[in-house]
N, C-alpha and C. Protein backbone atom coordinates (compact mmCIF):
# COMPACT_ATOMS: atom_id res chain seq x y z
N MET A 1 0.83 -1.20 0.00
CA MET A 1 0.00 0.00 0.00
C MET A 1 0.86 1.26 0.00
N HIS A 2 1.91 1.26 0.82
CA HIS A 2 2.65 2.51 1.02
C HIS A 2 3.51 2.92 -0.17
N HIS A 3 3.88 1.98 -1.01
CA HIS A 3 4.72 2.38 -2.14
C HIS A 3 3.91 3.13 -3.19
N HIS A 4 2.58 3.07 -3.12
CA HIS A 4 1.75 3.78 -4.09
C HIS A 4 1.63 5.26 -3.76
N ILE A 5 1.80 5.62 -2.49
CA ILE A 5 1.57 6.99 -2.07
C ILE A 5 2.56 7.97 -2.74
N TYR A 6 3.75 7.48 -3.08
CA TYR A 6 4.74 8.36 -3.71
C TYR A 6 4.26 8.84 -5.06
N ARG A 7 3.58 7.98 -5.80
CA ARG A 7 3.06 8.36 -7.11
C ARG A 7 2.07 9.52 -6.96
N GLU A 8 1.17 9.43 -5.99
CA GLU A 8 0.19 10.49 -5.78
C GLU A 8 0.86 11.77 -5.28
N LEU A 9 1.84 11.61 -4.39
CA LEU A 9 2.55 12.78 -3.88
C LEU A 9 3.27 13.53 -5.00
N ILE A 10 3.97 12.78 -5.85
CA ILE A 10 4.71 13.40 -6.96
C ILE A 10 3.74 14.10 -7.91
N THR A 11 2.61 13.45 -8.19
CA THR A 11 1.61 14.06 -9.07
C THR A 11 1.05 15.33 -8.46
N ALA A 12 0.74 15.29 -7.17
CA ALA A 12 0.18 16.46 -6.48
C ALA A 12 1.19 17.61 -6.45
N ILE A 13 2.45 17.30 -6.15
CA ILE A 13 3.50 18.33 -6.11
C ILE A 13 3.68 18.94 -7.50
N GLY A 14 3.66 18.09 -8.53
CA GLY A 14 3.75 18.59 -9.90
C GLY A 14 2.60 19.53 -10.22
N GLY A 15 1.41 19.16 -9.81
CA GLY A 15 0.23 20.00 -10.03
C GLY A 15 0.37 21.35 -9.33
N LEU A 16 0.82 21.31 -8.08
CA LEU A 16 1.02 22.55 -7.33
C LEU A 16 2.06 23.44 -8.00
N LEU A 17 3.14 22.84 -8.47
CA LEU A 17 4.17 23.61 -9.17
C LEU A 17 3.61 24.29 -10.40
N PHE A 18 2.83 23.55 -11.20
CA PHE A 18 2.20 24.12 -12.40
C PHE A 18 1.35 25.33 -12.02
N ILE A 19 0.52 25.16 -10.97
CA ILE A 19 -0.37 26.24 -10.54
C ILE A 19 0.44 27.45 -10.08
N MET A 20 1.48 27.21 -9.26
CA MET A 20 2.30 28.31 -8.75
C MET A 20 2.99 29.06 -9.88
N ILE A 21 3.57 28.32 -10.83
CA ILE A 21 4.24 28.95 -11.97
C ILE A 21 3.23 29.77 -12.78
N GLY A 22 2.07 29.18 -13.05
CA GLY A 22 1.04 29.87 -13.82
C GLY A 22 0.59 31.15 -13.16
N ILE A 23 0.33 31.10 -11.85
CA ILE A 23 -0.14 32.29 -11.12
C ILE A 23 0.95 33.36 -11.08
N THR A 24 2.19 32.95 -10.82
CA THR A 24 3.30 33.91 -10.76
C THR A 24 3.47 34.62 -12.09
N ARG A 25 3.47 33.87 -13.18
CA ARG A 25 3.62 34.46 -14.51
C ARG A 25 2.45 35.38 -14.85
N GLN A 26 1.26 34.97 -14.45
CA GLN A 26 0.05 35.75 -14.72
C GLN A 26 0.15 37.10 -14.01
N ARG A 27 0.66 37.09 -12.78
CA ARG A 27 0.84 38.34 -12.03
C ARG A 27 1.83 39.26 -12.74
N GLU A 28 2.94 38.68 -13.19
CA GLU A 28 3.93 39.48 -13.93
C GLU A 28 3.30 40.09 -15.17
N ARG A 29 2.48 39.29 -15.88
CA ARG A 29 1.79 39.77 -17.07
C ARG A 29 0.91 40.97 -16.74
N MET A 30 0.13 40.87 -15.66
CA MET A 30 -0.77 41.95 -15.27
C MET A 30 0.00 43.22 -14.95
N ARG A 31 1.15 43.05 -14.31
CA ARG A 31 1.99 44.21 -13.99
C ARG A 31 2.48 44.88 -15.27
N LEU A 32 2.90 44.08 -16.23
CA LEU A 32 3.36 44.62 -17.53
C LEU A 32 2.23 45.36 -18.23
N ILE A 33 1.03 44.77 -18.21
CA ILE A 33 -0.11 45.40 -18.87
C ILE A 33 -0.43 46.74 -18.21
N ARG A 34 -0.40 46.78 -16.88
CA ARG A 34 -0.68 48.03 -16.16
C ARG A 34 0.32 49.11 -16.50
N SER A 35 1.57 48.72 -16.72
CA SER A 35 2.58 49.73 -17.05
C SER A 35 2.56 50.08 -18.54
N GLY A 36 1.58 49.54 -19.27
CA GLY A 36 1.37 49.95 -20.65
C GLY A 36 2.10 49.10 -21.68
N LYS A 37 2.82 48.08 -21.25
CA LYS A 37 3.53 47.23 -22.21
C LYS A 37 2.60 46.13 -22.72
N LYS A 38 2.96 45.58 -23.87
CA LYS A 38 2.18 44.47 -24.43
C LYS A 38 2.70 43.17 -23.81
N ALA A 39 1.79 42.34 -23.32
CA ALA A 39 2.20 41.09 -22.69
C ALA A 39 1.51 39.92 -23.37
N GLU A 40 2.30 38.93 -23.72
CA GLU A 40 1.77 37.72 -24.37
C GLU A 40 1.69 36.57 -23.37
N GLY A 41 1.07 35.49 -23.79
CA GLY A 41 1.12 34.25 -23.01
C GLY A 41 -0.03 34.02 -22.06
N ALA A 42 -1.13 34.76 -22.23
CA ALA A 42 -2.27 34.58 -21.32
C ALA A 42 -2.79 33.15 -21.37
N LEU A 43 -2.97 32.63 -22.57
CA LEU A 43 -3.52 31.29 -22.75
C LEU A 43 -2.58 30.24 -22.16
N LEU A 44 -1.28 30.42 -22.37
CA LEU A 44 -0.29 29.47 -21.86
C LEU A 44 -0.36 29.36 -20.35
N TYR A 45 -0.41 30.50 -19.66
CA TYR A 45 -0.40 30.48 -18.20
C TYR A 45 -1.71 29.96 -17.65
N THR A 46 -2.83 30.31 -18.31
CA THR A 46 -4.13 29.79 -17.90
C THR A 46 -4.14 28.27 -18.06
N THR A 47 -3.58 27.79 -19.17
CA THR A 47 -3.50 26.34 -19.42
C THR A 47 -2.66 25.66 -18.35
N LEU A 48 -1.55 26.30 -17.97
CA LEU A 48 -0.69 25.76 -16.91
C LEU A 48 -1.47 25.59 -15.60
N ILE A 49 -2.25 26.62 -15.25
CA ILE A 49 -3.02 26.58 -14.00
C ILE A 49 -4.06 25.47 -14.07
N ILE A 50 -4.77 25.37 -15.21
CA ILE A 50 -5.79 24.34 -15.37
C ILE A 50 -5.16 22.95 -15.34
N ALA A 51 -4.02 22.79 -16.03
CA ALA A 51 -3.32 21.49 -16.04
C ALA A 51 -2.90 21.11 -14.61
N GLY A 52 -2.41 22.08 -13.87
CA GLY A 52 -2.02 21.84 -12.48
C GLY A 52 -3.18 21.38 -11.63
N MET A 53 -4.35 22.03 -11.82
CA MET A 53 -5.53 21.64 -11.06
C MET A 53 -5.98 20.23 -11.44
N CYS A 54 -5.91 19.91 -12.73
CA CYS A 54 -6.28 18.57 -13.19
C CYS A 54 -5.36 17.52 -12.56
N LEU A 55 -4.06 17.82 -12.51
CA LEU A 55 -3.10 16.90 -11.88
C LEU A 55 -3.43 16.70 -10.41
N LEU A 56 -3.76 17.78 -9.72
CA LEU A 56 -4.11 17.68 -8.30
C LEU A 56 -5.35 16.82 -8.09
N VAL A 57 -6.39 17.08 -8.88
CA VAL A 57 -7.62 16.31 -8.77
C VAL A 57 -7.35 14.83 -9.06
N PHE A 58 -6.54 14.59 -10.10
CA PHE A 58 -6.18 13.23 -10.47
C PHE A 58 -5.44 12.53 -9.32
N ALA A 59 -4.49 13.23 -8.71
CA ALA A 59 -3.70 12.67 -7.61
C ALA A 59 -4.60 12.32 -6.43
N VAL A 60 -5.49 13.24 -6.08
CA VAL A 60 -6.39 13.00 -4.95
C VAL A 60 -7.34 11.84 -5.26
N GLY A 61 -7.89 11.83 -6.47
CA GLY A 61 -8.79 10.76 -6.87
C GLY A 61 -8.10 9.41 -6.84
N LEU A 62 -6.88 9.38 -7.36
CA LEU A 62 -6.10 8.15 -7.38
C LEU A 62 -5.82 7.67 -5.96
N PHE A 63 -5.47 8.62 -5.10
CA PHE A 63 -5.17 8.29 -3.70
C PHE A 63 -6.40 7.68 -3.01
N ILE A 64 -7.55 8.32 -3.21
CA ILE A 64 -8.80 7.83 -2.61
C ILE A 64 -9.13 6.45 -3.17
N TYR A 65 -9.00 6.29 -4.48
CA TYR A 65 -9.30 5.01 -5.11
C TYR A 65 -8.38 3.91 -4.58
N GLU A 66 -7.07 4.22 -4.55
CA GLU A 66 -6.08 3.23 -4.10
C GLU A 66 -6.31 2.86 -2.64
N SER A 67 -6.55 3.85 -1.78
CA SER A 67 -6.71 3.54 -0.36
C SER A 67 -8.00 2.76 -0.14
N GLY A 68 -9.07 3.10 -0.84
CA GLY A 68 -10.32 2.35 -0.74
C GLY A 68 -10.15 0.94 -1.27
N HIS A 69 -9.37 0.82 -2.33
CA HIS A 69 -9.13 -0.44 -3.00
C HIS A 69 -8.39 -1.42 -2.08
N TYR A 70 -7.48 -0.90 -1.29
CA TYR A 70 -6.67 -1.78 -0.43
C TYR A 70 -7.34 -2.09 0.91
N HIS A 71 -8.25 -1.23 1.36
CA HIS A 71 -8.87 -1.46 2.67
C HIS A 71 -10.01 -2.46 2.59
N VAL A 72 -10.62 -2.58 1.44
CA VAL A 72 -11.79 -3.48 1.29
C VAL A 72 -11.32 -4.93 1.32
């Protein structure tokens, strides 16, 4: 049972990293736009955040499935 938890942990950490990178870049973009510069990459950063959330949901779902699977 315990060797499976690393897979979920790595997936969850990866998801969090994606979300953090996406949010950080998005903030930088907003700052550039406010100062009047043209900023690209809105779709890329939004996609990063969404992908990160999907990874997190997947990791949690997998964890719940695996733990339920082994306890029954």
